[in-house]
Amino acid sequence: MSAQQTEWQEVRCKMEPIKREQVIAKYLSRTLDTEAVEEFEGHYLGCDECFDELRVSEHLATELRSSKLAWKQAEGVSVLQFRAAATLTHSAAELEELRREVLEQSDSRVIIDLGRVTKIDSAGLGQLMSCYSHLVRNQGTLRIVNAMPDVRKVMDMTGISSLIGTFQDEQEALNSFRN
């Protein structure tokens, strides 16, 4: 390793953590110029400590970009479930993902499992209504299952649970499609 590379490595390793994370973020998002990429790779790929930091950042970025929702099919019905605890509030990323997932699906019979949704506000209720309206316009049907008590209470108070079929569990909702 040349003296210049060693010096550069020492500078990078001693760089402020925030600055180092910014460089990693730019590298992962492919926004570094070609020269900076070469410099970055020359150091980070040769320095175990920095390489480990890069791998952790890359893993975290992948997890953050991954879907918070999962689709499955049950008896010819699409079931949308949250992978982890979620909120359907005006500032929640899950809200936009829910809208996108339902509106981009061609399925006409959909169940949304709210078993992991811990909080809902007017934005979340509006999104459920948007999903409902989209499905009805396309000759479809929406059912809600497993709403937690606080979420169910808000849905009941606003009357949404009387408009959108709301059930205690998935099997009960699936049975409702047969009637």
N, C-alpha and C. Protein backbone atom coordinates (compact mmCIF):
# COMPACT_ATOMS: atom_id res chain seq x y z
N MET A 1 0.85 -1.17 0.00
CA MET A 1 0.00 0.00 0.00
C MET A 1 0.90 1.23 0.00
N SER A 2 0.61 2.19 -0.86
CA SER A 2 1.44 3.39 -0.96
C SER A 2 1.21 4.28 0.26
N ALA A 3 2.14 5.23 0.45
CA ALA A 3 2.03 6.16 1.58
C ALA A 3 0.77 7.01 1.45
N GLN A 4 0.43 7.39 0.21
CA GLN A 4 -0.76 8.21 -0.02
C GLN A 4 -2.03 7.42 0.32
N GLN A 5 -2.06 6.13 -0.07
CA GLN A 5 -3.23 5.30 0.25
C GLN A 5 -3.36 5.11 1.75
N THR A 6 -2.22 4.90 2.44
CA THR A 6 -2.24 4.72 3.89
C THR A 6 -2.75 5.99 4.56
N GLU A 7 -2.25 7.14 4.10
CA GLU A 7 -2.70 8.42 4.64
C GLU A 7 -4.19 8.61 4.41
N TRP A 8 -4.66 8.30 3.19
CA TRP A 8 -6.08 8.45 2.88
C TRP A 8 -6.91 7.53 3.76
N GLN A 9 -6.42 6.30 3.99
CA GLN A 9 -7.14 5.34 4.83
C GLN A 9 -7.26 5.89 6.24
N GLU A 10 -6.20 6.46 6.76
CA GLU A 10 -6.26 7.01 8.12
C GLU A 10 -7.25 8.17 8.20
N VAL A 11 -7.26 9.01 7.16
CA VAL A 11 -8.21 10.13 7.14
C VAL A 11 -9.64 9.59 7.12
N ARG A 12 -9.93 8.61 6.26
CA ARG A 12 -11.27 8.05 6.16
C ARG A 12 -11.70 7.39 7.47
N CYS A 13 -10.81 6.65 8.08
CA CYS A 13 -11.17 5.95 9.32
C CYS A 13 -11.41 6.93 10.46
N LYS A 14 -10.76 8.09 10.40
CA LYS A 14 -10.93 9.09 11.46
C LYS A 14 -12.00 10.13 11.11
N MET A 15 -12.60 9.98 9.94
CA MET A 15 -13.62 10.92 9.50
C MET A 15 -14.78 10.92 10.49
N GLU A 16 -15.43 12.06 10.61
CA GLU A 16 -16.60 12.14 11.47
C GLU A 16 -17.58 11.04 11.08
N PRO A 17 -18.18 10.37 12.06
CA PRO A 17 -19.12 9.28 11.73
C PRO A 17 -20.25 9.71 10.79
N ILE A 18 -20.78 10.91 10.98
CA ILE A 18 -21.88 11.36 10.12
C ILE A 18 -21.39 11.54 8.69
N LYS A 19 -20.21 12.13 8.54
CA LYS A 19 -19.64 12.31 7.20
C LYS A 19 -19.40 10.95 6.55
N ARG A 20 -18.86 10.01 7.32
CA ARG A 20 -18.59 8.66 6.80
C ARG A 20 -19.91 8.01 6.36
N GLU A 21 -20.96 8.16 7.16
CA GLU A 21 -22.25 7.59 6.80
C GLU A 21 -22.82 8.25 5.54
N GLN A 22 -22.58 9.54 5.37
CA GLN A 22 -23.05 10.23 4.17
C GLN A 22 -22.35 9.69 2.92
N VAL A 23 -21.04 9.44 3.05
CA VAL A 23 -20.30 8.87 1.92
C VAL A 23 -20.84 7.48 1.59
N ILE A 24 -21.09 6.68 2.62
CA ILE A 24 -21.63 5.33 2.41
C ILE A 24 -23.00 5.42 1.75
N ALA A 25 -23.84 6.33 2.22
CA ALA A 25 -25.18 6.48 1.64
C ALA A 25 -25.09 6.87 0.17
N LYS A 26 -24.20 7.77 -0.16
CA LYS A 26 -24.03 8.17 -1.56
C LYS A 26 -23.50 7.00 -2.39
N TYR A 27 -22.62 6.22 -1.81
CA TYR A 27 -22.09 5.05 -2.54
C TYR A 27 -23.21 4.05 -2.80
N LEU A 28 -24.00 3.76 -1.77
CA LEU A 28 -25.08 2.78 -1.91
C LEU A 28 -26.17 3.27 -2.86
N SER A 29 -26.39 4.57 -2.92
CA SER A 29 -27.41 5.10 -3.83
C SER A 29 -26.83 5.44 -5.20
N ARG A 30 -25.57 5.12 -5.37
CA ARG A 30 -24.87 5.32 -6.66
C ARG A 30 -24.88 6.78 -7.11
N THR A 31 -24.63 7.69 -6.16
CA THR A 31 -24.57 9.10 -6.50
C THR A 31 -23.17 9.70 -6.38
N LEU A 32 -22.18 8.87 -6.10
CA LEU A 32 -20.79 9.33 -6.09
C LEU A 32 -20.28 9.37 -7.53
N ASP A 33 -19.43 10.36 -7.84
CA ASP A 33 -18.85 10.39 -9.19
C ASP A 33 -17.81 9.27 -9.32
N THR A 34 -17.39 8.99 -10.53
CA THR A 34 -16.52 7.85 -10.81
C THR A 34 -15.23 7.89 -10.00
N GLU A 35 -14.63 9.06 -9.91
CA GLU A 35 -13.38 9.18 -9.15
C GLU A 35 -13.61 8.88 -7.67
N ALA A 36 -14.70 9.42 -7.12
CA ALA A 36 -15.02 9.19 -5.72
C ALA A 36 -15.33 7.72 -5.46
N VAL A 37 -15.97 7.05 -6.42
CA VAL A 37 -16.26 5.62 -6.27
C VAL A 37 -14.96 4.83 -6.18
N GLU A 38 -14.01 5.15 -7.07
CA GLU A 38 -12.72 4.45 -7.05
C GLU A 38 -12.00 4.67 -5.73
N GLU A 39 -12.01 5.91 -5.27
CA GLU A 39 -11.37 6.25 -4.00
C GLU A 39 -12.07 5.52 -2.85
N PHE A 40 -13.39 5.55 -2.88
CA PHE A 40 -14.19 4.89 -1.84
C PHE A 40 -13.89 3.39 -1.80
N GLU A 41 -13.97 2.74 -2.95
CA GLU A 41 -13.74 1.30 -3.00
C GLU A 41 -12.31 0.93 -2.63
N GLY A 42 -11.36 1.78 -3.02
CA GLY A 42 -9.97 1.53 -2.66
C GLY A 42 -9.75 1.50 -1.16
N HIS A 43 -10.50 2.30 -0.45
CA HIS A 43 -10.37 2.31 1.00
C HIS A 43 -11.32 1.32 1.68
N TYR A 44 -12.61 1.50 1.46
CA TYR A 44 -13.60 0.73 2.19
C TYR A 44 -13.51 -0.77 1.94
N LEU A 45 -13.15 -1.14 0.75
CA LEU A 45 -13.07 -2.57 0.47
C LEU A 45 -11.77 -3.18 0.98
N GLY A 46 -10.82 -2.31 1.39
CA GLY A 46 -9.57 -2.82 1.93
C GLY A 46 -9.46 -2.66 3.44
N CYS A 47 -10.35 -1.96 4.03
CA CYS A 47 -10.32 -1.70 5.48
C CYS A 47 -11.44 -2.50 6.13
N ASP A 48 -11.08 -3.46 6.97
CA ASP A 48 -12.09 -4.33 7.59
C ASP A 48 -13.13 -3.56 8.39
N GLU A 49 -12.69 -2.59 9.18
CA GLU A 49 -13.62 -1.83 10.01
C GLU A 49 -14.62 -1.06 9.15
N CYS A 50 -14.12 -0.37 8.15
CA CYS A 50 -15.00 0.41 7.28
C CYS A 50 -15.86 -0.49 6.40
N PHE A 51 -15.31 -1.60 5.97
CA PHE A 51 -16.08 -2.54 5.16
C PHE A 51 -17.26 -3.09 5.96
N ASP A 52 -17.01 -3.41 7.23
CA ASP A 52 -18.11 -3.89 8.07
C ASP A 52 -19.19 -2.82 8.21
N GLU A 53 -18.78 -1.55 8.37
CA GLU A 53 -19.74 -0.47 8.47
C GLU A 53 -20.55 -0.35 7.17
N LEU A 54 -19.88 -0.51 6.05
CA LEU A 54 -20.57 -0.48 4.75
C LEU A 54 -21.60 -1.59 4.66
N ARG A 55 -21.24 -2.80 5.05
CA ARG A 55 -22.15 -3.94 4.98
C ARG A 55 -23.36 -3.73 5.88
N VAL A 56 -23.16 -3.22 7.08
CA VAL A 56 -24.27 -2.96 7.99
C VAL A 56 -25.20 -1.91 7.38
N SER A 57 -24.64 -0.84 6.83
CA SER A 57 -25.45 0.20 6.20
C SER A 57 -26.22 -0.35 5.01
N GLU A 58 -25.57 -1.18 4.23
CA GLU A 58 -26.22 -1.78 3.06
C GLU A 58 -27.38 -2.67 3.49
N HIS A 59 -27.16 -3.46 4.55
CA HIS A 59 -28.23 -4.33 5.06
C HIS A 59 -29.40 -3.50 5.59
N LEU A 60 -29.09 -2.45 6.32
CA LEU A 60 -30.13 -1.58 6.87
C LEU A 60 -30.93 -0.93 5.75
N ALA A 61 -30.24 -0.43 4.73
CA ALA A 61 -30.92 0.21 3.60
C ALA A 61 -31.84 -0.79 2.89
N THR A 62 -31.38 -2.00 2.73
CA THR A 62 -32.19 -3.04 2.10
C THR A 62 -33.44 -3.32 2.92
N GLU A 63 -33.29 -3.42 4.23
CA GLU A 63 -34.44 -3.67 5.10
C GLU A 63 -35.43 -2.52 5.06
N LEU A 64 -34.92 -1.29 5.03
CA LEU A 64 -35.81 -0.14 5.00
C LEU A 64 -36.58 -0.06 3.69
N ARG A 65 -35.95 -0.49 2.59
CA ARG A 65 -36.61 -0.45 1.29
C ARG A 65 -37.57 -1.62 1.11
N SER A 66 -37.39 -2.67 1.88
CA SER A 66 -38.23 -3.85 1.67
C SER A 66 -39.67 -3.57 2.09
N SER A 67 -40.55 -4.28 1.51
CA SER A 67 -41.96 -4.08 1.74
C SER A 67 -42.35 -4.39 3.19
N LYS A 68 -43.20 -3.56 3.71
CA LYS A 68 -43.73 -3.78 5.05
C LYS A 68 -45.00 -4.61 4.98
N LEU A 69 -45.42 -4.95 3.75
CA LEU A 69 -46.65 -5.70 3.54
C LEU A 69 -46.35 -7.00 2.81
N ALA A 70 -47.16 -7.98 3.09
CA ALA A 70 -47.03 -9.28 2.42
C ALA A 70 -48.39 -9.70 1.85
N TRP A 71 -48.36 -10.22 0.64
CA TRP A 71 -49.58 -10.73 0.01
C TRP A 71 -49.57 -12.24 0.08
N LYS A 72 -50.73 -12.82 0.23
CA LYS A 72 -50.88 -14.27 0.09
C LYS A 72 -52.24 -14.52 -0.52
N GLN A 73 -52.41 -15.70 -1.06
CA GLN A 73 -53.70 -16.10 -1.63
C GLN A 73 -54.31 -17.15 -0.71
N ALA A 74 -55.60 -17.01 -0.46
CA ALA A 74 -56.33 -17.98 0.35
C ALA A 74 -57.71 -18.15 -0.27
N GLU A 75 -57.97 -19.32 -0.77
CA GLU A 75 -59.27 -19.64 -1.36
C GLU A 75 -59.68 -18.64 -2.44
N GLY A 76 -58.73 -18.24 -3.26
CA GLY A 76 -59.02 -17.33 -4.35
C GLY A 76 -59.17 -15.87 -3.95
N VAL A 77 -58.80 -15.55 -2.73
CA VAL A 77 -58.89 -14.19 -2.21
C VAL A 77 -57.48 -13.71 -1.88
N SER A 78 -57.17 -12.47 -2.21
CA SER A 78 -55.87 -11.89 -1.86
C SER A 78 -55.94 -11.35 -0.45
N VAL A 79 -54.96 -11.75 0.37
CA VAL A 79 -54.90 -11.30 1.76
C VAL A 79 -53.62 -10.49 1.94
N LEU A 80 -53.79 -9.27 2.42
CA LEU A 80 -52.68 -8.35 2.64
C LEU A 80 -52.44 -8.25 4.14
N GLN A 81 -51.20 -8.55 4.54
CA GLN A 81 -50.86 -8.53 5.96
C GLN A 81 -49.64 -7.65 6.18
N PHE A 82 -49.57 -6.98 7.32
CA PHE A 82 -48.40 -6.22 7.70
C PHE A 82 -47.39 -7.20 8.30
N ARG A 83 -46.14 -7.06 7.91
CA ARG A 83 -45.08 -7.97 8.38
C ARG A 83 -44.68 -7.69 9.82
N ALA A 84 -44.89 -6.47 10.29
CA ALA A 84 -44.49 -6.08 11.65
C ALA A 84 -45.49 -5.05 12.16
N ALA A 85 -45.32 -4.64 13.39
CA ALA A 85 -46.19 -3.62 13.96
C ALA A 85 -46.19 -2.39 13.06
N ALA A 86 -47.37 -1.82 12.87
CA ALA A 86 -47.51 -0.69 11.94
C ALA A 86 -48.53 0.30 12.47
N THR A 87 -48.44 1.51 11.95
CA THR A 87 -49.45 2.52 12.23
C THR A 87 -49.96 3.03 10.88
N LEU A 88 -51.22 3.33 10.82
CA LEU A 88 -51.81 3.93 9.63
C LEU A 88 -52.17 5.36 9.99
N THR A 89 -51.15 6.19 10.05
CA THR A 89 -51.31 7.59 10.41
C THR A 89 -50.71 8.46 9.31
N HIS A 90 -51.00 9.75 9.36
CA HIS A 90 -50.60 10.66 8.28
C HIS A 90 -49.10 10.63 7.99
N SER A 91 -48.26 10.33 8.95
CA SER A 91 -46.81 10.36 8.72
C SER A 91 -46.20 8.97 8.53
N ALA A 92 -47.00 7.93 8.48
CA ALA A 92 -46.47 6.57 8.41
C ALA A 92 -46.20 6.13 6.97
N ALA A 93 -45.05 5.52 6.76
CA ALA A 93 -44.69 4.99 5.44
C ALA A 93 -45.66 3.88 5.02
N GLU A 94 -46.19 3.16 5.97
CA GLU A 94 -47.10 2.06 5.66
C GLU A 94 -48.36 2.55 4.94
N LEU A 95 -48.74 3.79 5.20
CA LEU A 95 -49.95 4.33 4.61
C LEU A 95 -49.83 4.39 3.09
N GLU A 96 -48.75 4.94 2.60
CA GLU A 96 -48.53 5.04 1.16
C GLU A 96 -48.36 3.66 0.54
N GLU A 97 -47.65 2.79 1.24
CA GLU A 97 -47.45 1.43 0.71
C GLU A 97 -48.77 0.68 0.62
N LEU A 98 -49.64 0.84 1.60
CA LEU A 98 -50.95 0.19 1.57
C LEU A 98 -51.74 0.66 0.34
N ARG A 99 -51.78 1.95 0.14
CA ARG A 99 -52.50 2.50 -1.01
C ARG A 99 -51.95 1.94 -2.31
N ARG A 100 -50.66 2.02 -2.46
CA ARG A 100 -50.01 1.55 -3.68
C ARG A 100 -50.27 0.06 -3.92
N GLU A 101 -50.13 -0.72 -2.90
CA GLU A 101 -50.31 -2.17 -3.04
C GLU A 101 -51.74 -2.53 -3.47
N VAL A 102 -52.72 -1.92 -2.85
CA VAL A 102 -54.11 -2.26 -3.18
C VAL A 102 -54.49 -1.70 -4.55
N LEU A 103 -54.13 -0.46 -4.82
CA LEU A 103 -54.54 0.16 -6.08
C LEU A 103 -53.83 -0.44 -7.29
N GLU A 104 -52.65 -1.02 -7.10
CA GLU A 104 -51.92 -1.61 -8.22
C GLU A 104 -52.27 -3.08 -8.45
N GLN A 105 -53.02 -3.67 -7.55
CA GLN A 105 -53.40 -5.07 -7.71
C GLN A 105 -54.60 -5.18 -8.64
N SER A 106 -54.63 -6.27 -9.37
CA SER A 106 -55.78 -6.50 -10.25
C SER A 106 -56.83 -7.39 -9.57
N ASP A 107 -56.52 -7.83 -8.36
CA ASP A 107 -57.46 -8.69 -7.64
C ASP A 107 -58.72 -7.92 -7.26
N SER A 108 -59.85 -8.60 -7.32
CA SER A 108 -61.10 -7.92 -6.99
C SER A 108 -61.61 -8.28 -5.60
N ARG A 109 -61.08 -9.32 -5.01
CA ARG A 109 -61.49 -9.71 -3.65
C ARG A 109 -60.26 -9.64 -2.76
N VAL A 110 -60.29 -8.69 -1.81
CA VAL A 110 -59.12 -8.40 -0.99
C VAL A 110 -59.52 -8.37 0.48
N ILE A 111 -58.66 -8.95 1.29
CA ILE A 111 -58.77 -8.87 2.75
C ILE A 111 -57.53 -8.13 3.24
N ILE A 112 -57.75 -7.11 4.07
CA ILE A 112 -56.62 -6.42 4.71
C ILE A 112 -56.62 -6.83 6.18
N ASP A 113 -55.53 -7.45 6.60
CA ASP A 113 -55.37 -7.90 7.99
C ASP A 113 -54.74 -6.77 8.80
N LEU A 114 -55.49 -6.22 9.72
CA LEU A 114 -55.01 -5.12 10.56
C LEU A 114 -54.50 -5.61 11.92
N GLY A 115 -54.22 -6.88 12.04
CA GLY A 115 -53.79 -7.46 13.31
C GLY A 115 -52.52 -6.86 13.88
N ARG A 116 -51.69 -6.25 13.06
CA ARG A 116 -50.45 -5.63 13.55
C ARG A 116 -50.51 -4.10 13.52
N VAL A 117 -51.67 -3.56 13.17
CA VAL A 117 -51.82 -2.10 13.14
C VAL A 117 -52.24 -1.64 14.53
N THR A 118 -51.38 -0.84 15.15
CA THR A 118 -51.61 -0.42 16.53
C THR A 118 -52.30 0.93 16.65
N LYS A 119 -52.29 1.71 15.57
CA LYS A 119 -52.90 3.04 15.62
C LYS A 119 -53.37 3.43 14.23
N ILE A 120 -54.51 4.11 14.18
CA ILE A 120 -55.05 4.61 12.92
C ILE A 120 -55.61 6.00 13.17
N ASP A 121 -55.43 6.88 12.20
CA ASP A 121 -56.01 8.22 12.30
C ASP A 121 -56.85 8.49 11.05
N SER A 122 -57.25 9.74 10.86
CA SER A 122 -58.11 10.06 9.73
C SER A 122 -57.44 9.75 8.40
N ALA A 123 -56.13 9.91 8.32
CA ALA A 123 -55.43 9.59 7.07
C ALA A 123 -55.51 8.09 6.79
N GLY A 124 -55.35 7.28 7.83
CA GLY A 124 -55.46 5.82 7.67
C GLY A 124 -56.87 5.40 7.30
N LEU A 125 -57.86 6.02 7.94
CA LEU A 125 -59.25 5.72 7.60
C LEU A 125 -59.54 6.13 6.16
N GLY A 126 -59.02 7.28 5.77
CA GLY A 126 -59.19 7.74 4.40
C GLY A 126 -58.56 6.78 3.40
N GLN A 127 -57.42 6.23 3.76
CA GLN A 127 -56.75 5.28 2.87
C GLN A 127 -57.55 3.98 2.74
N LEU A 128 -58.12 3.52 3.85
CA LEU A 128 -58.98 2.33 3.77
C LEU A 128 -60.18 2.61 2.87
N MET A 129 -60.75 3.81 3.00
CA MET A 129 -61.89 4.16 2.15
C MET A 129 -61.47 4.26 0.68
N SER A 130 -60.28 4.75 0.43
CA SER A 130 -59.77 4.82 -0.94
C SER A 130 -59.62 3.42 -1.52
N CYS A 131 -59.09 2.51 -0.73
CA CYS A 131 -58.96 1.11 -1.18
C CYS A 131 -60.34 0.50 -1.44
N TYR A 132 -61.26 0.75 -0.52
CA TYR A 132 -62.62 0.24 -0.66
C TYR A 132 -63.26 0.78 -1.94
N SER A 133 -63.18 2.09 -2.15
CA SER A 133 -63.78 2.72 -3.33
C SER A 133 -63.18 2.18 -4.62
N HIS A 134 -61.86 2.01 -4.63
CA HIS A 134 -61.19 1.47 -5.81
C HIS A 134 -61.71 0.07 -6.15
N LEU A 135 -61.82 -0.77 -5.14
CA LEU A 135 -62.29 -2.13 -5.37
C LEU A 135 -63.75 -2.15 -5.82
N VAL A 136 -64.59 -1.34 -5.19
CA VAL A 136 -66.00 -1.30 -5.57
C VAL A 136 -66.15 -0.81 -7.02
N ARG A 137 -65.39 0.23 -7.39
CA ARG A 137 -65.44 0.73 -8.78
C ARG A 137 -65.06 -0.34 -9.79
N ASN A 138 -64.23 -1.28 -9.34
CA ASN A 138 -63.77 -2.36 -10.22
C ASN A 138 -64.50 -3.67 -9.93
N GLN A 139 -65.74 -3.57 -9.46
CA GLN A 139 -66.59 -4.71 -9.14
C GLN A 139 -65.93 -5.67 -8.15
N GLY A 140 -65.22 -5.10 -7.19
CA GLY A 140 -64.54 -5.91 -6.19
C GLY A 140 -65.11 -5.71 -4.80
N THR A 141 -64.47 -6.36 -3.84
CA THR A 141 -64.92 -6.32 -2.46
C THR A 141 -63.72 -6.25 -1.54
N LEU A 142 -63.86 -5.49 -0.47
CA LEU A 142 -62.82 -5.38 0.55
C LEU A 142 -63.36 -5.85 1.88
N ARG A 143 -62.55 -6.60 2.59
CA ARG A 143 -62.87 -7.03 3.95
C ARG A 143 -61.69 -6.65 4.85
N ILE A 144 -61.99 -6.35 6.10
CA ILE A 144 -60.98 -6.04 7.11
C ILE A 144 -61.05 -7.13 8.17
N VAL A 145 -59.88 -7.61 8.61
CA VAL A 145 -59.86 -8.63 9.67
C VAL A 145 -58.86 -8.24 10.76
N ASN A 146 -59.08 -8.83 11.92
CA ASN A 146 -58.15 -8.76 13.06
C ASN A 146 -57.85 -7.34 13.54
N ALA A 147 -58.76 -6.41 13.39
CA ALA A 147 -58.50 -5.05 13.86
C ALA A 147 -58.30 -5.06 15.37
N MET A 148 -57.24 -4.45 15.83
CA MET A 148 -56.96 -4.36 17.26
C MET A 148 -58.06 -3.51 17.90
N PRO A 149 -58.31 -3.67 19.21
CA PRO A 149 -59.42 -2.96 19.86
C PRO A 149 -59.44 -1.45 19.62
N ASP A 150 -58.30 -0.77 19.75
CA ASP A 150 -58.28 0.68 19.55
C ASP A 150 -58.59 1.04 18.10
N VAL A 151 -58.09 0.27 17.16
CA VAL A 151 -58.34 0.51 15.75
C VAL A 151 -59.81 0.23 15.44
N ARG A 152 -60.32 -0.85 15.96
CA ARG A 152 -61.72 -1.22 15.75
C ARG A 152 -62.66 -0.15 16.31
N LYS A 153 -62.29 0.40 17.47
CA LYS A 153 -63.11 1.44 18.10
C LYS A 153 -63.20 2.66 17.18
N VAL A 154 -62.09 3.09 16.61
CA VAL A 154 -62.09 4.24 15.70
C VAL A 154 -62.92 3.93 14.45
N MET A 155 -62.77 2.72 13.93
CA MET A 155 -63.54 2.33 12.74
C MET A 155 -65.04 2.29 13.06
N ASP A 156 -65.39 1.83 14.23
CA ASP A 156 -66.80 1.78 14.63
C ASP A 156 -67.36 3.19 14.82
N MET A 157 -66.59 4.07 15.50
CA MET A 157 -67.05 5.43 15.77
C MET A 157 -67.30 6.21 14.48
N THR A 158 -66.50 5.95 13.47
CA THR A 158 -66.64 6.70 12.21
C THR A 158 -67.61 6.04 11.25
N GLY A 159 -68.07 4.84 11.57
CA GLY A 159 -69.01 4.13 10.72
C GLY A 159 -68.37 3.35 9.58
N ILE A 160 -67.06 3.37 9.50
CA ILE A 160 -66.38 2.65 8.42
C ILE A 160 -66.57 1.14 8.54
N SER A 161 -66.63 0.65 9.76
CA SER A 161 -66.79 -0.80 9.93
C SER A 161 -68.17 -1.28 9.48
N SER A 162 -69.14 -0.38 9.40
CA SER A 162 -70.45 -0.80 8.89
C SER A 162 -70.48 -0.76 7.36
N LEU A 163 -69.58 -0.01 6.76
CA LEU A 163 -69.49 0.08 5.30
C LEU A 163 -68.58 -1.01 4.73
N ILE A 164 -67.43 -1.17 5.34
CA ILE A 164 -66.47 -2.19 4.91
C ILE A 164 -66.67 -3.40 5.83
N GLY A 165 -66.87 -4.56 5.26
CA GLY A 165 -67.05 -5.77 6.06
C GLY A 165 -65.86 -5.98 6.98
N THR A 166 -66.12 -6.06 8.28
CA THR A 166 -65.06 -6.21 9.28
C THR A 166 -65.31 -7.49 10.06
N PHE A 167 -64.27 -8.33 10.14
CA PHE A 167 -64.41 -9.65 10.75
C PHE A 167 -63.32 -9.89 11.78
N GLN A 168 -63.62 -10.83 12.69
CA GLN A 168 -62.68 -11.15 13.76
C GLN A 168 -61.44 -11.89 13.27
N ASP A 169 -61.61 -12.75 12.26
CA ASP A 169 -60.46 -13.51 11.77
C ASP A 169 -60.58 -13.75 10.27
N GLU A 170 -59.50 -14.25 9.71
CA GLU A 170 -59.42 -14.44 8.26
C GLU A 170 -60.43 -15.46 7.75
N GLN A 171 -60.61 -16.55 8.46
CA GLN A 171 -61.53 -17.57 7.99
C GLN A 171 -62.96 -17.06 7.92
N GLU A 172 -63.36 -16.28 8.90
CA GLU A 172 -64.69 -15.67 8.90
C GLU A 172 -64.86 -14.77 7.68
N ALA A 173 -63.82 -13.99 7.36
CA ALA A 173 -63.88 -13.12 6.17
C ALA A 173 -63.92 -13.94 4.88
N LEU A 174 -63.13 -15.00 4.82
CA LEU A 174 -63.13 -15.86 3.64
C LEU A 174 -64.52 -16.49 3.44
N ASN A 175 -65.14 -16.91 4.52
CA ASN A 175 -66.50 -17.49 4.43
C ASN A 175 -67.50 -16.48 3.90
N SER A 176 -67.29 -15.20 4.21
CA SER A 176 -68.24 -14.17 3.76
C SER A 176 -68.22 -14.00 2.25
N PHE A 177 -67.12 -14.37 1.60
CA PHE A 177 -67.06 -14.28 0.14
C PHE A 177 -67.91 -15.37 -0.51
N ARG A 178 -68.19 -16.43 0.21
CA ARG A 178 -68.98 -17.53 -0.34
C ARG A 178 -70.48 -17.25 -0.28
N ASN A 179 -70.89 -16.36 0.56
CA ASN A 179 -72.32 -16.08 0.75
C ASN A 179 -72.85 -15.11 -0.28
